[in-house]
Amino acid sequence: MSAVRLDAWLWAVRMYKTRSAATAAVRGGHVRVNGEPVKAAHTLAVGDTVRLRKDHRERILQVTGLISKRVGAPVAQRQYIDHSPPPIPRELLAVPVRERGAGRPTKKERREIDRLRGRR
C-alpha cells in the first residue's frame, strides 16, 4: 500500500475510536501533517509527521507503516514512531479542594482554578 487516507489511518492505529471521530478532529483543525492543516481525505505516505491534539495533550507521530483497517494495539503501534512529549503529571492537573459548604469560590480562587486547568 503506497498511500492511505489520513482519517482511516488515525482510526486504524487507534488514535480515535471511530473513523467519524477522526474525521471530525481533522475538520476541527486538531490534526496537521508535516506542519500543514489538511483535509480528512489527505493521503499519507511513509515518513510523514502527524501532529494531533487530543485530551489536552499533543501527539507527534512519524508514519512508518500504512494500514487502512483497524488492527490490534501491538500491530498498530508498529505503524508509527511516537515523538510526543511526556504527559503532564496528574499532580499538576489537580484542582484545589474546597471545604464542603464553603460557598462559591471567590474571583481570585476561580482564576486560580482556571489557571490550574489550563484555561485563560
C-alpha atoms as a PDB file:
ATOM      1  CA  MET A   1       0.000   0.000   0.000  1.00  0.00           C
ATOM      2  CA  SER A   2       1.592   3.299  -1.063  1.00  0.00           C
ATOM      3  CA  ALA A   3      -0.969   5.769   0.329  1.00  0.00           C
ATOM      4  CA  VAL A   4      -3.892   5.801   2.738  1.00  0.00           C
ATOM      5  CA  ARG A   5      -6.434   8.429   3.850  1.00  0.00           C
ATOM      6  CA  LEU A   6      -5.472  10.365   6.973  1.00  0.00           C
ATOM      7  CA  ASP A   7      -8.733   9.730   8.838  1.00  0.00           C
ATOM      8  CA  ALA A   8      -8.605   5.998   8.066  1.00  0.00           C
ATOM      9  CA  TRP A   9      -5.001   5.770   9.294  1.00  0.00           C
ATOM     10  CA  LEU A  10      -5.759   7.642  12.530  1.00  0.00           C
ATOM     11  CA  TRP A  11      -8.635   5.244  13.198  1.00  0.00           C
ATOM     12  CA  ALA A  12      -6.610   2.162  12.221  1.00  0.00           C
ATOM     13  CA  VAL A  13      -3.716   2.997  14.584  1.00  0.00           C
ATOM     14  CA  ARG A  14      -6.204   3.583  17.422  1.00  0.00           C
ATOM     15  CA  MET A  15      -5.776   7.316  17.917  1.00  0.00           C
ATOM     16  CA  TYR A  16      -9.576   7.698  17.665  1.00  0.00           C
ATOM     17  CA  LYS A  17     -12.329   5.223  18.498  1.00  0.00           C
ATOM     18  CA  THR A  18     -14.251   5.794  15.268  1.00  0.00           C
ATOM     19  CA  ARG A  19     -13.381   6.980  11.808  1.00  0.00           C
ATOM     20  CA  SER A  20     -16.009   9.701  12.062  1.00  0.00           C
ATOM     21  CA  ALA A  21     -14.314  10.971  15.261  1.00  0.00           C
ATOM     22  CA  ALA A  22     -11.012  11.107  13.367  1.00  0.00           C
ATOM     23  CA  THR A  23     -12.701  12.977  10.514  1.00  0.00           C
ATOM     24  CA  ALA A  24     -14.248  15.457  12.949  1.00  0.00           C
ATOM     25  CA  ALA A  25     -10.858  16.076  14.589  1.00  0.00           C
ATOM     26  CA  VAL A  26      -9.244  16.765  11.213  1.00  0.00           C
ATOM     27  CA  ARG A  27     -12.079  19.105  10.212  1.00  0.00           C
ATOM     28  CA  GLY A  28     -11.791  20.858  13.568  1.00  0.00           C
ATOM     29  CA  GLY A  29      -8.144  21.677  12.908  1.00  0.00           C
ATOM     30  CA  HIS A  30      -6.739  19.381  15.596  1.00  0.00           C
ATOM     31  CA  VAL A  31      -4.580  17.419  13.130  1.00  0.00           C
ATOM     32  CA  ARG A  32      -1.681  18.617  10.976  1.00  0.00           C
ATOM     33  CA  VAL A  33       0.524  16.709   8.564  1.00  0.00           C
ATOM     34  CA  ASN A  34       4.078  17.986   8.092  1.00  0.00           C
ATOM     35  CA  GLY A  35       3.034  21.239   9.774  1.00  0.00           C
ATOM     36  CA  GLU A  36       0.187  21.928   7.344  1.00  0.00           C
ATOM     37  CA  PRO A  37      -3.553  21.817   8.068  1.00  0.00           C
ATOM     38  CA  VAL A  38      -5.081  19.157   5.833  1.00  0.00           C
ATOM     39  CA  LYS A  39      -8.400  17.556   4.997  1.00  0.00           C
ATOM     40  CA  ALA A  40      -9.530  14.099   6.139  1.00  0.00           C
ATOM     41  CA  ALA A  41      -9.019  12.676   2.645  1.00  0.00           C
ATOM     42  CA  HIS A  42      -5.342  13.713   2.574  1.00  0.00           C
ATOM     43  CA  THR A  43      -3.206  10.745   1.543  1.00  0.00           C
ATOM     44  CA  LEU A  44      -0.434   9.836   3.955  1.00  0.00           C
ATOM     45  CA  ALA A  45       2.913   8.423   2.910  1.00  0.00           C
ATOM     46  CA  VAL A  46       5.633   6.731   4.924  1.00  0.00           C
ATOM     47  CA  GLY A  47       7.826   9.363   6.565  1.00  0.00           C
ATOM     48  CA  ASP A  48       5.077  11.956   7.107  1.00  0.00           C
ATOM     49  CA  THR A  49       4.806  13.611  10.527  1.00  0.00           C
ATOM     50  CA  VAL A  50       1.318  13.779  12.018  1.00  0.00           C
ATOM     51  CA  ARG A  51       0.652  16.181  14.900  1.00  0.00           C
ATOM     52  CA  LEU A  52      -2.654  15.854  16.694  1.00  0.00           C
ATOM     53  CA  ARG A  53      -4.188  17.413  19.763  1.00  0.00           C
ATOM     54  CA  LYS A  54      -6.294  15.053  21.862  1.00  0.00           C
ATOM     55  CA  ASP A  55      -7.299  15.028  25.540  1.00  0.00           C
ATOM     56  CA  HIS A  56      -5.315  18.215  26.291  1.00  0.00           C
ATOM     57  CA  ARG A  57      -2.153  16.557  25.001  1.00  0.00           C
ATOM     58  CA  GLU A  58      -0.178  16.943  21.782  1.00  0.00           C
ATOM     59  CA  ARG A  59       0.862  13.760  19.996  1.00  0.00           C
ATOM     60  CA  ILE A  60       3.639  13.797  17.383  1.00  0.00           C
ATOM     61  CA  LEU A  61       3.715  10.660  15.239  1.00  0.00           C
ATOM     62  CA  GLN A  62       6.075   9.733  12.426  1.00  0.00           C
ATOM     63  CA  VAL A  63       4.410   7.361   9.975  1.00  0.00           C
ATOM     64  CA  THR A  64       6.380   4.124   9.466  1.00  0.00           C
ATOM     65  CA  GLY A  65       3.625   1.948   8.024  1.00  0.00           C
ATOM     66  CA  LEU A  66       0.349   2.400   6.197  1.00  0.00           C
ATOM     67  CA  ILE A  67      -2.757   0.475   7.178  1.00  0.00           C
ATOM     68  CA  SER A  68      -6.397   1.234   6.481  1.00  0.00           C
ATOM     69  CA  LYS A  69      -8.063  -1.479   8.564  1.00  0.00           C
ATOM     70  CA  ARG A  70      -8.212  -1.430  12.354  1.00  0.00           C
ATOM     71  CA  VAL A  71      -5.788  -3.896  13.935  1.00  0.00           C
ATOM     72  CA  GLY A  72      -4.687  -4.913  17.419  1.00  0.00           C
ATOM     73  CA  ALA A  73      -2.792  -2.459  19.592  1.00  0.00           C
ATOM     74  CA  PRO A  74       0.642  -4.152  19.246  1.00  0.00           C
ATOM     75  CA  VAL A  75       0.388  -4.130  15.439  1.00  0.00           C
ATOM     76  CA  ALA A  76      -0.949  -0.565  15.422  1.00  0.00           C
ATOM     77  CA  GLN A  77       1.984   0.716  17.490  1.00  0.00           C
ATOM     78  CA  ARG A  78       4.440  -0.576  14.890  1.00  0.00           C
ATOM     79  CA  GLN A  79       2.893   1.737  12.270  1.00  0.00           C
ATOM     80  CA  TYR A  80       4.329   4.895  13.829  1.00  0.00           C
ATOM     81  CA  ILE A  81       7.140   6.273  15.968  1.00  0.00           C
ATOM     82  CA  ASP A  82       5.871   8.384  18.851  1.00  0.00           C
ATOM     83  CA  HIS A  83       7.866  11.604  19.350  1.00  0.00           C
ATOM     84  CA  SER A  84       5.322  13.094  21.773  1.00  0.00           C
ATOM     85  CA  PRO A  85       6.440  14.959  24.868  1.00  0.00           C
ATOM     86  CA  PRO A  86       5.686  13.137  28.133  1.00  0.00           C
ATOM     87  CA  PRO A  87       2.218  13.773  29.596  1.00  0.00           C
ATOM     88  CA  ILE A  88       1.779  16.364  32.348  1.00  0.00           C
ATOM     89  CA  PRO A  89       1.870  14.711  35.795  1.00  0.00           C
ATOM     90  CA  ARG A  90      -1.542  14.280  37.417  1.00  0.00           C
ATOM     91  CA  GLU A  91      -0.435  16.267  40.453  1.00  0.00           C
ATOM     92  CA  LEU A  92      -0.085  19.385  38.307  1.00  0.00           C
ATOM     93  CA  LEU A  93      -3.551  18.886  36.810  1.00  0.00           C
ATOM     94  CA  ALA A  94      -5.204  18.563  40.227  1.00  0.00           C
ATOM     95  CA  VAL A  95      -7.845  21.103  41.171  1.00  0.00           C
ATOM     96  CA  PRO A  96      -7.638  22.602  44.660  1.00  0.00           C
ATOM     97  CA  VAL A  97     -10.142  21.078  47.069  1.00  0.00           C
ATOM     98  CA  ARG A  98     -12.576  23.363  48.856  1.00  0.00           C
ATOM     99  CA  GLU A  99     -14.282  22.525  52.087  1.00  0.00           C
ATOM    100  CA  ARG A 100     -17.858  21.386  51.722  1.00  0.00           C
ATOM    101  CA  GLY A 101     -20.272  24.218  52.409  1.00  0.00           C
ATOM    102  CA  ALA A 102     -17.662  26.926  51.847  1.00  0.00           C
ATOM    103  CA  GLY A 103     -19.877  28.580  49.259  1.00  0.00           C
ATOM    104  CA  ARG A 104     -18.952  29.746  45.823  1.00  0.00           C
ATOM    105  CA  PRO A 105     -15.301  30.351  45.025  1.00  0.00           C
ATOM    106  CA  THR A 106     -14.110  33.932  45.131  1.00  0.00           C
ATOM    107  CA  LYS A 107     -12.929  35.606  41.955  1.00  0.00           C
ATOM    108  CA  LYS A 108      -9.296  35.017  42.986  1.00  0.00           C
ATOM    109  CA  GLU A 109      -9.977  31.319  43.707  1.00  0.00           C
ATOM    110  CA  ARG A 110     -11.829  30.922  40.400  1.00  0.00           C
ATOM    111  CA  ARG A 111      -8.908  32.425  38.482  1.00  0.00           C
ATOM    112  CA  GLU A 112      -6.546  30.047  40.266  1.00  0.00           C
ATOM    113  CA  ILE A 113      -8.748  27.075  39.381  1.00  0.00           C
ATOM    114  CA  ASP A 114      -8.881  28.191  35.736  1.00  0.00           C
ATOM    115  CA  ARG A 115      -5.090  28.626  35.662  1.00  0.00           C
ATOM    116  CA  LEU A 116      -4.564  25.114  37.022  1.00  0.00           C
ATOM    117  CA  ARG A 117      -6.964  23.653  34.450  1.00  0.00           C
ATOM    118  CA  GLY A 118      -5.103  25.404  31.623  1.00  0.00           C
ATOM    119  CA  ARG A 119      -7.887  27.828  30.773  1.00  0.00           C
ATOM    120  CA  ARG A 120      -7.306  31.519  30.237  1.00  0.00           C
END
